[in-house]
Amino acid sequence: MGHIITEVNIYDVRMDVSGYYTPEEPTIWYDGNMEGYPGAAAEFEIETIELEGIEISQIISDEVYNKIIEQVIEKQS
């Protein structure tokens, strides 16, 4: 898990976002013990969302919050 700071653009509004990104873990079908691992999707945990230097993470909708997470993960992939 790594801390990142990036810019996103949601509905033509530019925001600065910081948080913790965990890259995707690939599926492993079989290891040495003949056990597999299903893998894990990439994740981003938002720490702050700023608009014009003002922290807004507590007042945005769930829809925008989820769009920010999706955009950050896409940018990191």
N, C-alpha and C. Protein backbone atom coordinates (compact mmCIF):
# COMPACT_ATOMS: atom_id res chain seq x y z
N MET A 1 0.85 -1.16 0.00
CA MET A 1 0.00 0.00 0.00
C MET A 1 0.90 1.23 0.00
N GLY A 2 0.64 2.12 -0.94
CA GLY A 2 1.45 3.33 -1.02
C GLY A 2 0.59 4.59 -0.99
N HIS A 3 1.14 5.62 -0.38
CA HIS A 3 0.43 6.90 -0.32
C HIS A 3 0.65 7.64 -1.63
N ILE A 4 -0.44 8.15 -2.22
CA ILE A 4 -0.33 8.92 -3.46
C ILE A 4 -1.14 10.20 -3.33
N ILE A 5 -0.74 11.18 -4.12
CA ILE A 5 -1.47 12.43 -4.28
C ILE A 5 -1.65 12.61 -5.78
N THR A 6 -2.88 12.83 -6.22
CA THR A 6 -3.15 12.93 -7.64
C THR A 6 -4.29 13.90 -7.89
N GLU A 7 -4.50 14.21 -9.14
CA GLU A 7 -5.58 15.10 -9.55
C GLU A 7 -6.62 14.29 -10.30
N VAL A 8 -7.89 14.56 -10.02
CA VAL A 8 -8.98 13.91 -10.76
C VAL A 8 -9.87 14.99 -11.34
N ASN A 9 -10.63 14.61 -12.36
CA ASN A 9 -11.58 15.54 -12.97
C ASN A 9 -12.91 14.81 -13.06
N ILE A 10 -13.86 15.22 -12.21
CA ILE A 10 -15.17 14.61 -12.16
C ILE A 10 -16.19 15.67 -12.53
N TYR A 11 -16.99 15.40 -13.56
CA TYR A 11 -18.00 16.35 -14.04
C TYR A 11 -17.38 17.73 -14.31
N ASP A 12 -16.21 17.73 -14.94
CA ASP A 12 -15.47 18.95 -15.28
C ASP A 12 -15.06 19.77 -14.07
N VAL A 13 -14.92 19.14 -12.92
CA VAL A 13 -14.43 19.80 -11.71
C VAL A 13 -13.13 19.12 -11.31
N ARG A 14 -12.04 19.92 -11.25
CA ARG A 14 -10.73 19.39 -10.90
C ARG A 14 -10.57 19.38 -9.38
N MET A 15 -10.17 18.22 -8.86
CA MET A 15 -9.96 18.06 -7.42
C MET A 15 -8.62 17.38 -7.18
N ASP A 16 -7.99 17.74 -6.07
CA ASP A 16 -6.76 17.09 -5.64
C ASP A 16 -7.13 16.04 -4.60
N VAL A 17 -6.62 14.83 -4.79
CA VAL A 17 -6.98 13.70 -3.93
C VAL A 17 -5.72 13.07 -3.38
N SER A 18 -5.75 12.72 -2.10
CA SER A 18 -4.66 11.95 -1.52
C SER A 18 -5.25 10.73 -0.84
N GLY A 19 -4.47 9.68 -0.79
CA GLY A 19 -4.94 8.46 -0.17
C GLY A 19 -3.95 7.34 -0.35
N TYR A 20 -4.42 6.14 -0.07
CA TYR A 20 -3.57 4.96 -0.09
C TYR A 20 -4.02 4.00 -1.17
N TYR A 21 -3.09 3.69 -2.08
CA TYR A 21 -3.36 2.83 -3.22
C TYR A 21 -2.72 1.46 -3.02
N THR A 22 -3.53 0.43 -3.26
CA THR A 22 -3.02 -0.94 -3.24
C THR A 22 -3.22 -1.53 -4.64
N PRO A 23 -2.14 -1.92 -5.32
CA PRO A 23 -2.29 -2.45 -6.68
C PRO A 23 -3.00 -3.81 -6.70
N GLU A 24 -3.48 -4.14 -7.86
CA GLU A 24 -4.14 -5.43 -8.08
C GLU A 24 -3.17 -6.57 -7.80
N GLU A 25 -3.69 -7.63 -7.21
CA GLU A 25 -2.90 -8.84 -7.01
C GLU A 25 -3.42 -9.89 -7.98
N PRO A 26 -2.54 -10.46 -8.79
CA PRO A 26 -3.00 -11.41 -9.81
C PRO A 26 -3.49 -12.73 -9.23
N THR A 27 -4.32 -13.39 -9.99
CA THR A 27 -4.79 -14.72 -9.63
C THR A 27 -3.65 -15.72 -9.77
N ILE A 28 -3.49 -16.57 -8.78
CA ILE A 28 -2.50 -17.66 -8.86
C ILE A 28 -3.30 -18.95 -8.82
N TRP A 29 -3.23 -19.68 -9.91
CA TRP A 29 -4.05 -20.89 -9.99
C TRP A 29 -3.55 -21.99 -9.07
N TYR A 30 -2.24 -22.23 -9.06
CA TYR A 30 -1.68 -23.27 -8.19
C TYR A 30 -0.31 -22.83 -7.72
N ASP A 31 -0.05 -23.06 -6.43
CA ASP A 31 1.30 -22.81 -5.92
C ASP A 31 1.94 -24.16 -5.59
N GLY A 32 3.02 -24.14 -4.85
CA GLY A 32 3.75 -25.37 -4.54
C GLY A 32 2.93 -26.38 -3.76
N ASN A 33 1.95 -25.93 -2.99
CA ASN A 33 1.10 -26.83 -2.22
C ASN A 33 -0.17 -27.22 -2.97
N MET A 34 -0.21 -26.92 -4.25
CA MET A 34 -1.37 -27.16 -5.09
C MET A 34 -2.60 -26.38 -4.59
N GLU A 35 -2.34 -25.23 -3.98
CA GLU A 35 -3.41 -24.34 -3.57
C GLU A 35 -3.34 -23.08 -4.42
N GLY A 36 -4.46 -22.50 -4.67
CA GLY A 36 -4.49 -21.29 -5.48
C GLY A 36 -4.80 -20.06 -4.65
N TYR A 37 -4.77 -18.91 -5.30
CA TYR A 37 -5.11 -17.64 -4.68
C TYR A 37 -5.96 -16.87 -5.68
N PRO A 38 -7.15 -16.42 -5.29
CA PRO A 38 -8.05 -15.79 -6.25
C PRO A 38 -7.63 -14.39 -6.69
N GLY A 39 -6.62 -13.83 -6.05
CA GLY A 39 -6.20 -12.49 -6.40
C GLY A 39 -7.07 -11.46 -5.70
N ALA A 40 -6.77 -10.19 -5.96
CA ALA A 40 -7.53 -9.11 -5.34
C ALA A 40 -7.52 -7.91 -6.28
N ALA A 41 -8.63 -7.22 -6.33
CA ALA A 41 -8.74 -6.02 -7.16
C ALA A 41 -7.92 -4.89 -6.55
N ALA A 42 -7.53 -3.94 -7.39
CA ALA A 42 -6.84 -2.75 -6.89
C ALA A 42 -7.81 -1.97 -5.99
N GLU A 43 -7.24 -1.28 -5.01
CA GLU A 43 -8.06 -0.51 -4.08
C GLU A 43 -7.45 0.86 -3.86
N PHE A 44 -8.31 1.83 -3.56
CA PHE A 44 -7.85 3.16 -3.19
C PHE A 44 -8.68 3.65 -2.02
N GLU A 45 -8.01 4.01 -0.94
CA GLU A 45 -8.68 4.54 0.25
C GLU A 45 -8.42 6.04 0.32
N ILE A 46 -9.46 6.83 0.19
CA ILE A 46 -9.33 8.28 0.16
C ILE A 46 -8.98 8.81 1.55
N GLU A 47 -7.97 9.67 1.58
CA GLU A 47 -7.60 10.36 2.81
C GLU A 47 -8.18 11.78 2.79
N THR A 48 -7.92 12.52 1.71
CA THR A 48 -8.47 13.88 1.56
C THR A 48 -8.89 14.13 0.12
N ILE A 49 -9.87 15.00 -0.03
CA ILE A 49 -10.29 15.51 -1.34
C ILE A 49 -10.34 17.02 -1.19
N GLU A 50 -9.59 17.72 -2.03
CA GLU A 50 -9.55 19.17 -1.94
C GLU A 50 -10.01 19.82 -3.23
N LEU A 51 -10.78 20.87 -3.08
CA LEU A 51 -11.25 21.70 -4.20
C LEU A 51 -10.82 23.12 -3.89
N GLU A 52 -9.94 23.64 -4.73
CA GLU A 52 -9.40 25.00 -4.52
C GLU A 52 -8.79 25.13 -3.12
N GLY A 53 -8.14 24.07 -2.65
CA GLY A 53 -7.47 24.10 -1.36
C GLY A 53 -8.37 23.86 -0.16
N ILE A 54 -9.66 23.59 -0.39
CA ILE A 54 -10.61 23.36 0.70
C ILE A 54 -10.94 21.88 0.76
N GLU A 55 -10.83 21.29 1.93
CA GLU A 55 -11.13 19.87 2.15
C GLU A 55 -12.65 19.65 2.04
N ILE A 56 -13.05 18.75 1.11
CA ILE A 56 -14.49 18.55 0.85
C ILE A 56 -14.93 17.10 0.97
N SER A 57 -14.09 16.21 1.45
CA SER A 57 -14.44 14.78 1.43
C SER A 57 -15.68 14.45 2.26
N GLN A 58 -16.01 15.25 3.25
CA GLN A 58 -17.17 14.97 4.10
C GLN A 58 -18.49 15.45 3.48
N ILE A 59 -18.42 16.24 2.40
CA ILE A 59 -19.66 16.82 1.87
C ILE A 59 -20.00 16.37 0.45
N ILE A 60 -19.20 15.49 -0.14
CA ILE A 60 -19.52 15.04 -1.49
C ILE A 60 -20.43 13.81 -1.44
N SER A 61 -21.14 13.59 -2.53
CA SER A 61 -22.07 12.45 -2.59
C SER A 61 -21.31 11.13 -2.72
N ASP A 62 -21.99 10.05 -2.39
CA ASP A 62 -21.40 8.71 -2.57
C ASP A 62 -21.06 8.46 -4.02
N GLU A 63 -21.89 8.95 -4.94
CA GLU A 63 -21.64 8.77 -6.37
C GLU A 63 -20.31 9.39 -6.78
N VAL A 64 -20.07 10.63 -6.37
CA VAL A 64 -18.82 11.31 -6.72
C VAL A 64 -17.64 10.63 -6.02
N TYR A 65 -17.81 10.26 -4.77
CA TYR A 65 -16.78 9.56 -4.01
C TYR A 65 -16.33 8.30 -4.75
N ASN A 66 -17.30 7.51 -5.21
CA ASN A 66 -16.98 6.28 -5.95
C ASN A 66 -16.35 6.57 -7.30
N LYS A 67 -16.78 7.62 -7.97
CA LYS A 67 -16.16 8.00 -9.26
C LYS A 67 -14.71 8.41 -9.07
N ILE A 68 -14.42 9.09 -7.97
CA ILE A 68 -13.04 9.47 -7.67
C ILE A 68 -12.18 8.23 -7.49
N ILE A 69 -12.67 7.29 -6.71
CA ILE A 69 -11.92 6.04 -6.48
C ILE A 69 -11.66 5.33 -7.80
N GLU A 70 -12.70 5.21 -8.65
CA GLU A 70 -12.54 4.54 -9.95
C GLU A 70 -11.49 5.25 -10.81
N GLN A 71 -11.55 6.59 -10.85
CA GLN A 71 -10.62 7.34 -11.69
C GLN A 71 -9.18 7.21 -11.18
N VAL A 72 -8.99 7.23 -9.89
CA VAL A 72 -7.64 7.09 -9.34
C VAL A 72 -7.08 5.70 -9.67
N ILE A 73 -7.89 4.67 -9.50
CA ILE A 73 -7.42 3.31 -9.81
C ILE A 73 -7.07 3.19 -11.29
N GLU A 74 -7.91 3.75 -12.18
CA GLU A 74 -7.61 3.72 -13.61
C GLU A 74 -6.31 4.42 -13.93
N LYS A 75 -6.05 5.56 -13.29
CA LYS A 75 -4.82 6.30 -13.54
C LYS A 75 -3.58 5.55 -13.08
N GLN A 76 -3.72 4.74 -12.03
CA GLN A 76 -2.58 4.00 -11.47
C GLN A 76 -2.30 2.71 -12.23
N SER A 77 -3.28 2.20 -12.96
CA SER A 77 -3.12 0.92 -13.66
C SER A 77 -2.26 1.04 -14.88
